[in-house]
Every structure is written in C-alpha cells, then in structure tokens.
Amino acid sequence: MTSTNSENNKRIAKNTIMLYFRMLITMGVSLYTSRIVLHTLGIEDFGIYNVVGGVVAMFSIISGSLSVAISRFITFELGKNNQEKLKNIFSVSITIQYILALIIVILTETIGVWFLNVKMNIPEIRINAANWVLQFSIFAFAVNLINVPYNATIIAHEHMKAFAYIGIIEVVLKCIIVFLLVITPYDSLIAYSFSLLLITIIIRIIYNIYCKKYFEECSYRFVMDKPLLKSMMSFSGWNFIGVSSAILREQGVNIVLNIFCGPILNAARGIAVQVNSAINGFVSNFMMALNPQITKSYATDNWDYMMMLIQQGARLSFYMLLFLSLPVIIETEYILSIWLNLVPEHACNFVRLILLFAMSEAISGTLITAMLATGKIKKYQIIVGSLQMMNLPVSYLFLKMGFFPEITMMIAIFFSQVCLVARLWLLRGMIGLSARYYLQHVYINVMIVFFLSGVLPIFIFKNMEQGLIRFLMVSLMSVLSTLFVILFVGSSKKERKFVYEKINIVKNKLYNQ
C-alpha cells in the first residue's frame, strides 16, 4: 500500500507540473489580453459582457449539478476498474447533457431574453449588442455542456498533459481573436462574443477526437440503464442545492450589483474575477490533479491516505494561494495602474476581497471532494447549500439599505467561514474526519502563516513611496517571508525533513554535473 501511495503522490506531482505549465502560459496571455479587451470594448461594454454572461450562467444551476455527478461517477468507477460500467456512465452522461442543453437553450431564449430586456440595467443604445452577446453566450454554454463528459474522462484518467495542451491551444486562439478585435470593422462587443463561440466549438471537436482515440469508454451509444440513471439523478438532484447556491453567490450577486450600481460596477468586479482566475488557477490545477486520488482512495477504502490528502491538500492549496496573492493584495493599486489603461472605480477593493474569499474557500476544497466521493450528500447539501444561498438575499438587503458595493464580498467571506464549520461537523459523521484535528493542524496553522507572512511586506509598504522599487521590494519580501513562515511555522518536522532531503538531492545532482 505504501508503494502505491508513493506512486500516486508522484502522479499528483507530475500532473500538477503539467497543469502549471499550462497555467503559466494561459495566465500570461489572459492578463495581457484582458487589458486589450477592456481598452477596446471600454468599461461599459466590458461590464455588459460580464453581466450578460452571468444571465446565462444562472441557468447552469441545472447543468452544474449533473456535471459534478458525471465527474464523480466516472472517477469512482475508474478506482473500481469497472470498464463496462464506465461505458454505460459515459453514454448515459452524453444523453443527459444533450437533453439538458436543449432545455437550457429554451429557458434562456425565453426567461433570459425577457430578464435582459426588462429587468437589467443596460443603456438603451447598447441593448441590441447585449442581446447578441446573450445569443452567442447561450450556444457557447450549450456546447460546453456537451463537452463535460469528455473533460471529466480526461481528468479521471489523469491525462493532464492532454488537458494542458488543449488548454494552451484554447488560450492561443483567444489571443488571436483579441488582436483581430482591435481592427474589426464590426461592433467590437458582438464580434468578441461571436469569436468566443467559434473557439468553444473548435475546442469541443478537439476533445471529442482525443477522447475517442485514447479512451475505450468514450464511444457513445444509446443506453437506458435505469438503476444508473436513478443513481446519477439522485446524486445530482441533491447536489443541485450546492451548485445553485454557488451560482447564486457569484452570478446572482453580480446581477444584483448591476441592478443597484450599473454596468461600470460589473466591470470592476469583472477585473477582480480576472485577477482571481489568474492566481487561483494555480490552486485549481493542483486540486484538479489531487481530486481523482481522493475519490479513488475512497473507492478502494484507503482511508489513511485519503485523510492525508484531505489535510495536506487543504494546507498546500492555501499556501500556494497565499504565496501568489500576498504581493497582489498589498500592491493592488500599483499593479492595476500598470496593467490597465482604465481602472474602474472599486476595482482595487474587489480584487483584494475576492482574493481573501478565494483563500477562505481553498481551505474547504478537499473537504468538498471528500463529500462528493461518498455519494451520500443529501444532508450535507441541504445544510451547506442553504447557508451559501444566504449570500444573495443578504447582499440584496445590504445594497438596498445603501451599503457600499464591496459589502457583497465581505458577506461571501463570512458565509464561507460558516460553511467551513458546517462541513467539518458533517464530514465527521460521513467519513470519520476529526474536526478538532483539522482545525488545529489545518485551519489554525494556515491562519498563523497568513498573519505572520504579511508583517514585513506591509511594513515596507507603509514606509516607502509608491513606485517600481517599492513594488519589487514588497514582492521580494512577500516571497521570502511566506516561504520562511511556511517552512518553519506551517510545516511539521516530518515535512521539513522531506523538504531538506529534496534540497540535498538537487544539490548533489548539481555538484555531480
């Protein structure tokens, strides 16, 4: 068992490296092209694109729960090594996704179009462009929906190299359309939305070809496996609560901000989301490599290894996010002023708060994976999903009372912490997770690291004038301080010993060359 766990750890590390390679390229291109898109579209059109896309995303409540179910069932059966069941799961998943795509297109073409034209705060002169954005977003969403079983299969098989390369192709295509956007004679907002739809279709075809070539189960045939369908629908039905609460927290609040504050505020939040996506992508890639092992460990009753992955994965996720976020949180104004030609009002505060929210959520990432692995999610989703749903009505209430827009992110952080407590209490009964041990060795550990890491960088920030020199000094001190605190405060003796051994191996290799 120990040798198997060691091989799994190596696979996680290898897959994480491949995904980081993908992330470095996509992050660099995305940050640069975001600047061009914002400049070309303008703040108002950029805000319109973000909030109209949110209307479509609201309907992903229906699809998101099934998408999670597909990923869980495919990964679980891979752990059991049941090839025939895998084929049935894939085929049933494709059938379900086609039906869902049709339902969502109908709903968005009726309710979505009505909501956009009647309820949303869009300038009259741009309502036609907004409707085109909605149409292209609807069909791009439908194509992505059908692609879910293919993506889930690649991740479950841990073929991260393919996932990385296809992701790089996607970001290169997006880079090309951004440069063409500058010279297009057509309406820039409409042209941008249409181009993204074309890229979605191209990527869908590539995934289809790859999966059919390398995975035996990815051959669609109509299957009516009633027990499997019932099991998947039951799982997704309860997971619907969790997915809907997350969508309402993100896109629902975005739409509420549009109603109270207009599209310029959506642009500020959109910038914050871009920064968070770039930084949080590193953690997402790590979790993408880690999650299949947690699910497979549960499927094979490898409890000790599963608990180790849950606890160490949560700490590492937080540390990676802190390492990248700390200099950005401290020097937000300077970074945005250099990155963007136009910095929307409230953007700096939203960037800081959304990164703090991401760190709060990072502590719960492995807990959510462990919960989904069990398949017994009814009680969990009712409690945690209900708590997350409170984000939208509470945010609406505070905005209605005249509070500043940033209050919505503060509310999200508060409920994120409440949900963490609920998850620990529930998982104690579901998988025997010790809440006290987790709080002591994960939560308190990362909180101490968080506060200690920021002391020296903030001191430099407060005692130097804004500029490149201060930014470089803050960034350097953030890196050194975070590494030092993680190693000597956030790591156990066993983990420090492992790090020292790896450093000595690298030293010996360098000396022997």
Protein backbone atom coordinates (compact mmCIF):
# COMPACT_ATOMS: atom_id res chain seq x y z
CA MET A 1 0.00 0.00 0.00
CA THR A 2 2.87 2.39 0.84
CA SER A 3 4.48 1.94 -2.58
CA THR A 4 1.11 2.51 -4.25
CA ASN A 5 0.61 5.72 -2.27
CA SER A 6 4.11 6.84 -3.23
CA GLU A 7 3.31 6.27 -6.92
CA ASN A 8 0.08 8.19 -6.53
CA ASN A 9 1.95 11.11 -4.92
CA LYS A 10 4.39 11.15 -7.85
CA ARG A 11 1.48 11.13 -10.29
CA ILE A 12 -0.12 14.06 -8.47
CA ALA A 13 3.17 15.97 -8.60
CA LYS A 14 3.71 15.19 -12.30
CA ASN A 15 0.15 16.17 -13.24
CA THR A 16 0.39 19.35 -11.18
CA ILE A 17 3.59 20.35 -13.02
CA MET A 18 1.91 19.78 -16.38
CA LEU A 19 -1.06 21.88 -15.35
CA TYR A 20 1.23 24.61 -14.02
CA PHE A 21 2.96 24.70 -17.40
CA ARG A 22 -0.46 25.26 -18.95
CA MET A 23 -1.35 27.82 -16.32
CA LEU A 24 1.79 29.93 -16.77
CA ILE A 25 1.05 30.34 -20.47
CA THR A 26 -2.68 30.90 -20.09
CA MET A 27 -2.21 33.33 -17.21
CA GLY A 28 0.33 35.47 -19.06
CA VAL A 29 -1.80 35.61 -22.21
CA SER A 30 -5.06 36.17 -20.31
CA LEU A 31 -3.73 39.06 -18.23
CA TYR A 32 -2.34 40.77 -21.31
CA THR A 33 -5.41 40.22 -23.48
CA SER A 34 -7.75 41.35 -20.67
CA ARG A 35 -6.05 44.73 -20.82
CA ILE A 36 -6.62 44.93 -24.58
CA VAL A 37 -10.24 43.76 -24.33
CA LEU A 38 -11.01 46.33 -21.60
CA HIS A 39 -9.36 49.10 -23.65
CA THR A 40 -11.07 48.06 -26.93
CA LEU A 41 -14.55 47.47 -25.52
CA GLY A 42 -14.46 50.24 -22.95
CA ILE A 43 -15.51 49.95 -19.30
CA GLU A 44 -19.26 49.97 -20.02
CA ASP A 45 -19.21 47.28 -22.74
CA PHE A 46 -16.81 45.17 -20.66
CA GLY A 47 -19.29 45.35 -17.79
CA ILE A 48 -22.17 44.45 -20.13
CA TYR A 49 -20.31 41.37 -21.38
CA ASN A 50 -19.65 40.18 -17.81
CA VAL A 51 -23.18 40.65 -16.54
CA VAL A 52 -24.93 39.25 -19.67
CA GLY A 53 -22.74 36.17 -19.46
CA GLY A 54 -23.93 35.96 -15.87
CA VAL A 55 -27.53 35.66 -17.04
CA VAL A 56 -26.61 32.52 -18.99
CA ALA A 57 -24.51 31.23 -16.10
CA MET A 58 -27.56 31.45 -13.86
CA PHE A 59 -29.09 28.61 -15.89
CA SER A 60 -26.01 26.46 -15.28
CA ILE A 61 -27.67 25.71 -11.94
CA ILE A 62 -29.48 22.98 -13.86
CA SER A 63 -26.38 21.59 -15.57
CA GLY A 64 -23.79 22.10 -12.85
CA SER A 65 -25.22 19.50 -10.50
CA LEU A 66 -25.15 16.84 -13.23
CA SER A 67 -21.66 17.85 -14.32
CA VAL A 68 -20.35 17.16 -10.82
CA ALA A 69 -22.22 13.85 -10.79
CA ILE A 70 -20.63 12.79 -14.09
CA SER A 71 -17.11 13.57 -12.83
CA ARG A 72 -17.69 11.74 -9.57
CA PHE A 73 -19.19 8.59 -11.14
CA ILE A 74 -16.50 8.29 -13.83
CA THR A 75 -13.65 8.75 -11.32
CA PHE A 76 -15.23 6.35 -8.81
CA GLU A 77 -15.63 3.55 -11.37
CA LEU A 78 -12.07 4.07 -12.58
CA GLY A 79 -11.00 3.46 -8.98
CA LYS A 80 -13.05 0.24 -9.06
CA ASN A 81 -11.61 -0.59 -12.52
CA ASN A 82 -15.07 -1.41 -13.89
CA GLN A 83 -14.77 -0.83 -17.67
CA GLU A 84 -18.29 -1.91 -18.64
CA LYS A 85 -19.86 0.39 -16.04
CA LEU A 86 -17.64 3.22 -17.32
CA LYS A 87 -19.02 2.81 -20.85
CA ASN A 88 -22.57 2.99 -19.55
CA ILE A 89 -21.84 6.06 -17.41
CA PHE A 90 -20.30 7.90 -20.37
CA SER A 91 -23.17 7.11 -22.74
CA VAL A 92 -25.86 7.96 -20.19
CA SER A 93 -24.00 11.20 -19.42
CA ILE A 94 -23.94 12.27 -23.07
CA THR A 95 -27.67 11.60 -23.43
CA ILE A 96 -28.45 13.61 -20.30
CA GLN A 97 -26.26 16.53 -21.41
CA TYR A 98 -27.96 16.75 -24.82
CA ILE A 99 -31.37 16.87 -23.16
CA LEU A 100 -30.15 19.47 -20.66
CA ALA A 101 -28.62 21.60 -23.43
CA LEU A 102 -31.99 21.69 -25.21
CA ILE A 103 -33.85 22.61 -22.01
CA ILE A 104 -31.39 25.39 -21.11
CA VAL A 105 -31.49 26.89 -24.62
CA ILE A 106 -35.31 27.04 -24.39
CA LEU A 107 -35.22 28.60 -20.91
CA THR A 108 -32.59 31.21 -21.77
CA GLU A 109 -34.33 32.10 -25.05
CA THR A 110 -37.50 32.86 -23.08
CA ILE A 111 -36.80 33.82 -19.45
CA GLY A 112 -33.24 35.01 -20.13
CA VAL A 113 -34.20 37.27 -23.02
CA TRP A 114 -37.10 38.74 -21.00
CA PHE A 115 -34.89 39.38 -17.96
CA LEU A 116 -32.17 41.05 -20.06
CA ASN A 117 -34.56 43.40 -21.85
CA VAL A 118 -36.94 44.21 -18.99
CA LYS A 119 -35.10 43.94 -15.67
CA MET A 120 -31.40 44.62 -16.29
CA ASN A 121 -29.68 48.00 -16.18
CA ILE A 122 -28.32 48.20 -19.77
CA PRO A 123 -28.02 51.54 -21.66
CA GLU A 124 -30.64 51.76 -24.42
CA ILE A 125 -28.02 52.35 -27.10
CA ARG A 126 -26.30 49.01 -26.25
CA ILE A 127 -29.35 46.78 -25.74
CA ASN A 128 -29.08 45.33 -29.26
CA ALA A 129 -25.43 44.38 -28.73
CA ALA A 130 -26.32 42.91 -25.32
CA ASN A 131 -28.92 40.67 -26.98
CA TRP A 132 -26.35 39.39 -29.47
CA VAL A 133 -23.96 38.67 -26.59
CA LEU A 134 -26.74 36.72 -24.89
CA GLN A 135 -27.39 34.60 -28.00
CA PHE A 136 -23.73 33.72 -28.53
CA SER A 137 -23.28 33.02 -24.81
CA ILE A 138 -26.28 30.67 -24.81
CA PHE A 139 -24.91 28.48 -27.59
CA ALA A 140 -21.34 28.57 -26.26
CA PHE A 141 -22.74 27.37 -22.95
CA ALA A 142 -24.66 24.54 -24.65
CA VAL A 143 -21.51 23.38 -26.47
CA ASN A 144 -19.51 23.44 -23.22
CA LEU A 145 -22.27 21.46 -21.54
CA ILE A 146 -21.99 18.62 -24.06
CA ASN A 147 -18.21 18.66 -23.57
CA VAL A 148 -18.44 17.89 -19.81
CA PRO A 149 -18.26 14.05 -20.04
CA TYR A 150 -15.15 14.31 -22.24
CA ASN A 151 -13.42 16.68 -19.83
CA ALA A 152 -14.39 14.51 -16.87
CA THR A 153 -12.96 11.42 -18.56
CA ILE A 154 -9.59 13.07 -19.25
CA ILE A 155 -9.31 14.32 -15.66
CA ALA A 156 -10.44 10.99 -14.18
CA HIS A 157 -7.79 9.15 -16.23
CA GLU A 158 -5.31 11.83 -15.05
CA HIS A 159 -4.18 12.59 -18.62
CA MET A 160 -3.23 16.11 -17.57
CA LYS A 161 -0.75 16.51 -20.43
CA ALA A 162 -3.61 16.45 -22.94
CA PHE A 163 -5.69 18.74 -20.76
CA ALA A 164 -2.75 21.16 -20.57
CA TYR A 165 -2.02 21.18 -24.31
CA ILE A 166 -5.67 21.64 -25.30
CA GLY A 167 -5.92 24.48 -22.79
CA ILE A 168 -2.90 26.15 -24.38
CA ILE A 169 -4.49 25.82 -27.84
CA GLU A 170 -7.62 27.49 -26.46
CA VAL A 171 -5.78 30.44 -24.97
CA VAL A 172 -3.71 30.96 -28.15
CA LEU A 173 -6.92 31.11 -30.18
CA LYS A 174 -8.34 33.64 -27.72
CA CYS A 175 -5.18 35.68 -28.06
CA ILE A 176 -5.60 35.76 -31.84
CA ILE A 177 -9.21 36.98 -31.66
CA VAL A 178 -8.24 39.73 -29.22
CA PHE A 179 -5.73 41.13 -31.69
CA LEU A 180 -8.29 40.85 -34.52
CA LEU A 181 -10.77 42.65 -32.27
CA VAL A 182 -8.68 45.81 -32.46
CA ILE A 183 -9.00 46.00 -36.27
CA THR A 184 -12.51 44.62 -36.78
CA PRO A 185 -14.90 46.96 -38.64
CA TYR A 186 -17.89 45.46 -36.79
CA ASP A 187 -19.28 46.17 -33.32
CA SER A 188 -16.42 45.05 -31.01
CA LEU A 189 -18.68 43.59 -28.31
CA ILE A 190 -20.67 41.47 -30.80
CA ALA A 191 -17.54 40.37 -32.68
CA TYR A 192 -15.81 39.36 -29.42
CA SER A 193 -18.79 37.25 -28.26
CA PHE A 194 -19.12 35.53 -31.65
CA SER A 195 -15.40 34.73 -31.78
CA LEU A 196 -15.53 33.11 -28.34
CA LEU A 197 -18.38 30.89 -29.56
CA LEU A 198 -16.27 29.72 -32.52
CA ILE A 199 -13.36 28.87 -30.21
CA THR A 200 -15.70 26.89 -27.95
CA ILE A 201 -16.82 24.79 -30.94
CA ILE A 202 -13.22 24.16 -32.08
CA ILE A 203 -12.12 23.04 -28.59
CA ARG A 204 -15.18 20.79 -28.33
CA ILE A 205 -14.14 19.00 -31.56
CA ILE A 206 -10.55 18.55 -30.31
CA TYR A 207 -11.70 16.99 -27.00
CA ASN A 208 -14.03 14.66 -28.89
CA ILE A 209 -11.25 13.42 -31.19
CA TYR A 210 -8.76 12.90 -28.34
CA CYS A 211 -11.14 11.00 -26.08
CA LYS A 212 -12.34 8.67 -28.83
CA LYS A 213 -8.74 7.86 -29.70
CA TYR A 214 -7.41 7.14 -26.20
CA PHE A 215 -10.34 6.04 -24.02
CA GLU A 216 -12.34 2.93 -24.83
CA GLU A 217 -15.42 4.10 -22.91
CA CYS A 218 -15.76 7.30 -24.97
CA SER A 219 -17.86 5.73 -27.68
CA TYR A 220 -21.45 6.91 -27.46
CA ARG A 221 -24.34 4.50 -27.77
CA PHE A 222 -27.87 4.96 -26.56
CA VAL A 223 -28.17 3.19 -23.19
CA MET A 224 -31.17 3.11 -20.89
CA ASP A 225 -29.58 1.89 -17.65
CA LYS A 226 -32.38 2.75 -15.22
CA PRO A 227 -30.53 1.95 -11.93
CA LEU A 228 -27.53 4.02 -13.08
CA LEU A 229 -29.75 6.84 -14.30
CA LYS A 230 -31.65 6.84 -10.99
CA SER A 231 -28.41 6.87 -9.01
CA MET A 232 -26.93 9.74 -11.05
CA MET A 233 -30.15 11.76 -10.95
CA SER A 234 -30.47 11.26 -7.18
CA PHE A 235 -26.88 12.41 -6.66
CA SER A 236 -27.26 15.38 -9.00
CA GLY A 237 -30.64 16.25 -7.54
CA TRP A 238 -29.22 16.81 -4.08
CA ASN A 239 -26.07 18.38 -5.50
CA PHE A 240 -28.38 20.84 -7.28
CA ILE A 241 -28.68 22.70 -3.98
CA GLY A 242 -24.91 23.17 -3.65
CA VAL A 243 -24.40 24.15 -7.28
CA SER A 244 -27.32 26.58 -7.30
CA SER A 245 -26.06 28.25 -4.13
CA ALA A 246 -22.62 28.77 -5.68
CA ILE A 247 -24.10 30.17 -8.91
CA LEU A 248 -26.42 32.50 -7.00
CA ARG A 249 -23.48 33.66 -4.89
CA GLU A 250 -21.38 34.50 -7.96
CA GLN A 251 -23.71 35.44 -10.81
CA GLY A 252 -26.78 36.29 -8.76
CA VAL A 253 -24.85 38.86 -6.75
CA ASN A 254 -23.29 40.18 -9.98
CA ILE A 255 -26.77 40.80 -11.39
CA VAL A 256 -27.91 42.46 -8.13
CA LEU A 257 -24.86 44.74 -8.37
CA ASN A 258 -25.94 45.62 -11.93
CA ILE A 259 -29.45 46.50 -10.76
CA PHE A 260 -28.22 48.78 -7.95
CA CYS A 261 -24.95 50.13 -9.39
CA GLY A 262 -24.97 49.65 -13.20
CA PRO A 263 -22.54 48.01 -15.68
CA ILE A 264 -19.48 50.06 -14.61
CA LEU A 265 -19.53 48.30 -11.23
CA ASN A 266 -19.80 44.96 -13.09
CA ALA A 267 -16.63 45.93 -14.94
CA ALA A 268 -14.83 46.50 -11.61
CA ARG A 269 -15.96 43.10 -10.36
CA GLY A 270 -15.05 41.56 -13.73
CA ILE A 271 -11.47 42.84 -13.35
CA ALA A 272 -11.30 41.31 -9.87
CA VAL A 273 -12.57 38.00 -11.24
CA GLN A 274 -9.86 38.09 -13.96
CA VAL A 275 -7.11 38.60 -11.36
CA ASN A 276 -8.55 35.89 -9.14
CA SER A 277 -8.84 33.45 -12.06
CA ALA A 278 -5.19 34.00 -12.96
CA ILE A 279 -3.92 33.48 -9.40
CA ASN A 280 -6.45 30.90 -8.23
CA GLY A 281 -5.77 28.88 -11.39
CA PHE A 282 -2.59 27.56 -9.79
CA VAL A 283 -4.59 26.13 -6.89
CA SER A 284 -7.33 24.87 -9.23
CA ASN A 285 -4.73 22.97 -11.24
CA PHE A 286 -3.29 21.43 -8.08
CA MET A 287 -6.79 20.39 -6.98
CA MET A 288 -7.53 19.03 -10.46
CA ALA A 289 -4.52 16.72 -10.07
CA LEU A 290 -5.38 15.86 -6.44
CA ASN A 291 -9.16 15.28 -6.61
CA PRO A 292 -9.12 12.00 -8.59
CA GLN A 293 -6.81 10.46 -5.98
CA ILE A 294 -9.14 11.44 -3.12
CA THR A 295 -12.12 9.86 -4.90
CA LYS A 296 -10.17 6.74 -5.91
CA SER A 297 -8.84 6.35 -2.34
CA TYR A 298 -12.40 6.37 -1.05
CA ALA A 299 -13.45 3.83 -3.71
CA THR A 300 -10.64 1.45 -2.61
CA ASP A 301 -11.13 2.05 1.16
CA ASN A 302 -7.64 3.55 1.52
CA TRP A 303 -8.74 5.73 4.45
CA ASP A 304 -5.37 6.78 5.87
CA TYR A 305 -4.15 8.00 2.50
CA MET A 306 -7.43 9.79 1.89
CA MET A 307 -7.23 11.65 5.22
CA MET A 308 -3.65 12.64 4.49
CA LEU A 309 -4.63 14.02 1.08
CA ILE A 310 -7.55 15.97 2.58
CA GLN A 311 -5.47 17.67 5.26
CA GLN A 312 -2.21 18.25 3.40
CA GLY A 313 -4.09 19.21 0.22
CA ALA A 314 -6.03 21.93 2.09
CA ARG A 315 -2.86 23.42 3.59
CA LEU A 316 -0.93 23.31 0.31
CA SER A 317 -3.84 24.90 -1.55
CA PHE A 318 -3.91 27.78 0.93
CA TYR A 319 -0.11 28.19 0.91
CA MET A 320 0.04 28.35 -2.89
CA LEU A 321 -2.72 30.94 -2.98
CA LEU A 322 -1.10 32.99 -0.21
CA PHE A 323 2.29 32.86 -1.93
CA LEU A 324 0.82 34.37 -5.10
CA SER A 325 -1.84 36.63 -3.57
CA LEU A 326 0.06 38.44 -0.82
CA PRO A 327 2.02 40.89 -3.02
CA VAL A 328 -1.11 41.48 -5.15
CA ILE A 329 -3.26 42.25 -2.08
CA ILE A 330 -0.67 44.71 -0.74
CA GLU A 331 0.18 46.43 -4.05
CA THR A 332 -3.22 46.26 -5.78
CA GLU A 333 -3.37 49.93 -6.81
CA TYR A 334 0.08 49.91 -8.39
CA ILE A 335 -0.48 46.59 -10.21
CA LEU A 336 -3.82 47.67 -11.69
CA SER A 337 -2.44 51.06 -12.74
CA ILE A 338 0.39 49.34 -14.65
CA TRP A 339 -1.76 46.52 -16.05
CA LEU A 340 -4.79 48.54 -17.21
CA ASN A 341 -5.18 51.76 -19.09
CA LEU A 342 -8.54 52.25 -17.36
CA VAL A 343 -9.04 51.18 -13.75
CA PRO A 344 -12.76 51.03 -12.88
CA GLU A 345 -13.82 52.53 -9.56
CA HIS A 346 -13.98 49.94 -6.73
CA ALA A 347 -11.76 47.52 -8.73
CA CYS A 348 -8.90 47.62 -6.17
CA ASN A 349 -11.15 46.78 -3.23
CA PHE A 350 -12.88 44.00 -5.18
CA VAL A 351 -9.51 42.46 -6.13
CA ARG A 352 -8.35 42.36 -2.50
CA LEU A 353 -11.62 40.96 -1.20
CA ILE A 354 -12.05 38.33 -3.91
CA LEU A 355 -8.52 37.02 -3.19
CA LEU A 356 -9.31 36.81 0.52
CA PHE A 357 -12.51 34.96 -0.38
CA ALA A 358 -10.51 32.54 -2.58
CA MET A 359 -8.17 31.77 0.33
CA SER A 360 -11.15 31.17 2.59
CA GLU A 361 -12.60 28.73 0.05
CA ALA A 362 -9.24 26.99 -0.52
CA ILE A 363 -9.38 25.51 2.99
CA SER A 364 -12.62 23.73 2.05
CA GLY A 365 -11.60 22.39 -1.38
CA THR A 366 -10.54 18.90 -0.31
CA LEU A 367 -13.49 18.64 2.09
CA ILE A 368 -15.91 19.17 -0.81
CA THR A 369 -14.13 16.49 -2.89
CA ALA A 370 -14.30 14.01 0.01
CA MET A 371 -18.00 14.71 0.45
CA LEU A 372 -18.73 14.12 -3.24
CA ALA A 373 -16.67 10.91 -3.18
CA THR A 374 -19.06 9.34 -0.66
CA GLY A 375 -22.10 9.87 -2.88
CA LYS A 376 -24.15 10.43 0.31
CA ILE A 377 -24.73 14.14 0.01
CA LYS A 378 -28.38 14.78 0.92
CA LYS A 379 -27.91 16.14 4.46
CA TYR A 380 -24.67 17.90 3.51
CA GLN A 381 -26.18 19.80 0.59
CA ILE A 382 -29.31 20.79 2.47
CA ILE A 383 -27.28 22.39 5.28
CA VAL A 384 -24.25 23.82 3.47
CA GLY A 385 -26.19 24.70 0.31
CA SER A 386 -28.81 26.58 2.34
CA LEU A 387 -26.09 28.57 4.10
CA GLN A 388 -24.44 29.50 0.79
CA MET A 389 -27.77 30.58 -0.67
CA MET A 390 -28.00 33.26 2.01
CA ASN A 391 -25.34 35.24 0.12
CA LEU A 392 -27.84 36.57 -2.43
CA PRO A 393 -30.73 37.77 -0.19
CA VAL A 394 -28.35 39.20 2.43
CA SER A 395 -26.33 41.03 -0.27
CA TYR A 396 -29.57 42.39 -1.77
CA LEU A 397 -30.73 43.56 1.66
CA PHE A 398 -27.46 45.38 2.43
CA LEU A 399 -27.35 47.07 -1.00
CA LYS A 400 -30.99 48.05 -0.60
CA MET A 401 -30.03 49.68 2.72
CA GLY A 402 -27.42 51.78 0.90
CA PHE A 403 -24.21 49.95 1.82
CA PHE A 404 -21.11 50.19 -0.39
CA PRO A 405 -20.78 47.53 -3.20
CA GLU A 406 -17.81 45.79 -1.50
CA ILE A 407 -20.18 44.59 1.24
CA THR A 408 -21.23 41.75 -1.11
CA MET A 409 -17.72 40.22 -0.99
CA MET A 410 -17.49 40.66 2.78
CA ILE A 411 -20.77 38.77 3.13
CA ALA A 412 -19.39 36.00 0.88
CA ILE A 413 -16.27 35.66 3.08
CA PHE A 414 -18.41 35.47 6.23
CA PHE A 415 -20.64 32.71 4.85
CA SER A 416 -17.58 30.87 3.51
CA GLN A 417 -16.27 30.57 7.07
CA VAL A 418 -19.68 29.49 8.40
CA CYS A 419 -19.86 26.80 5.68
CA LEU A 420 -16.40 25.54 6.65
CA VAL A 421 -17.60 24.89 10.20
CA ALA A 422 -20.69 23.10 8.86
CA ARG A 423 -18.59 20.93 6.51
CA LEU A 424 -16.30 19.82 9.34
CA TRP A 425 -19.26 18.92 11.55
CA LEU A 426 -20.97 16.93 8.78
CA LEU A 427 -17.85 15.13 7.49
CA ARG A 428 -17.15 13.86 10.99
CA GLY A 429 -20.15 11.58 10.57
CA MET A 430 -19.73 10.92 6.84
CA ILE A 431 -16.06 9.81 6.73
CA GLY A 432 -14.88 9.97 10.35
CA LEU A 433 -12.93 13.22 9.85
CA SER A 434 -11.73 14.70 13.14
CA ALA A 435 -12.94 18.31 13.20
CA ARG A 436 -10.68 19.16 16.16
CA TYR A 437 -7.60 17.77 14.41
CA TYR A 438 -8.48 19.61 11.19
CA LEU A 439 -8.99 22.92 12.97
CA GLN A 440 -5.72 22.56 14.87
CA HIS A 441 -3.46 21.23 12.10
CA VAL A 442 -5.05 22.95 9.10
CA TYR A 443 -7.18 25.99 9.98
CA ILE A 444 -5.18 27.49 12.86
CA ASN A 445 -1.97 26.55 11.04
CA VAL A 446 -2.84 28.49 7.86
CA MET A 447 -4.22 31.48 9.82
CA ILE A 448 -0.93 31.85 11.74
CA VAL A 449 1.02 31.57 8.48
CA PHE A 450 -1.27 34.16 6.83
CA PHE A 451 -0.79 36.82 9.52
CA LEU A 452 2.94 36.28 10.08
CA SER A 453 3.73 36.29 6.35
CA GLY A 454 2.31 39.78 5.88
CA VAL A 455 4.16 41.58 8.69
CA LEU A 456 7.40 42.52 6.87
CA PRO A 457 5.87 43.21 3.41
CA ILE A 458 3.25 45.53 4.96
CA PHE A 459 5.98 47.31 6.97
CA ILE A 460 7.86 48.04 3.72
CA PHE A 461 4.62 49.09 2.02
CA LYS A 462 3.85 51.60 4.78
CA ASN A 463 7.35 53.13 4.88
CA MET A 464 8.15 53.59 1.17
CA GLU A 465 6.64 55.75 -1.57
CA GLN A 466 4.60 54.04 -4.29
CA GLY A 467 6.61 53.01 -7.33
CA LEU A 468 8.52 50.22 -9.00
CA ILE A 469 11.17 49.98 -6.25
CA ARG A 470 8.55 49.56 -3.52
CA PHE A 471 6.64 47.02 -5.62
CA LEU A 472 9.78 44.94 -6.17
CA MET A 473 10.76 45.16 -2.50
CA VAL A 474 7.25 44.19 -1.33
CA SER A 475 7.12 41.29 -3.82
CA LEU A 476 10.56 40.00 -2.84
CA MET A 477 9.85 40.26 0.87
CA SER A 478 6.42 38.62 0.40
CA VAL A 479 8.05 35.64 -1.31
CA LEU A 480 10.85 35.27 1.26
CA SER A 481 8.60 35.88 4.25
CA THR A 482 5.93 33.44 3.06
CA LEU A 483 8.46 30.69 2.28
CA PHE A 484 10.19 31.16 5.65
CA VAL A 485 6.96 31.12 7.66
CA ILE A 486 5.52 28.14 5.76
CA LEU A 487 8.71 26.12 6.30
CA PHE A 488 9.33 26.91 9.97
CA VAL A 489 5.81 27.58 11.26
CA GLY A 490 3.38 25.96 8.82
CA SER A 491 5.21 22.64 8.31
CA SER A 492 5.67 19.67 10.62
CA LYS A 493 9.10 18.22 11.42
CA LYS A 494 8.42 15.36 9.01
CA GLU A 495 7.52 17.78 6.22
CA ARG A 496 10.63 19.91 6.86
CA LYS A 497 12.76 16.79 6.77
CA PHE A 498 11.20 15.86 3.40
CA VAL A 499 11.98 19.35 2.03
CA TYR A 500 15.60 19.20 3.26
CA GLU A 501 16.04 15.77 1.65
CA LYS A 502 14.76 17.05 -1.69
CA ILE A 503 17.05 20.09 -1.48
CA ASN A 504 20.04 17.83 -0.78
CA ILE A 505 19.14 15.63 -3.77
CA VAL A 506 19.09 18.70 -6.03
CA LYS A 507 22.41 19.93 -4.56
CA ASN A 508 24.08 16.59 -5.14
CA LYS A 509 22.87 16.49 -8.74
CA LEU A 510 24.26 19.99 -9.35
CA TYR A 511 27.63 19.19 -7.75
CA ASN A 512 27.98 15.94 -9.74
CA GLN A 513 27.42 17.63 -13.10
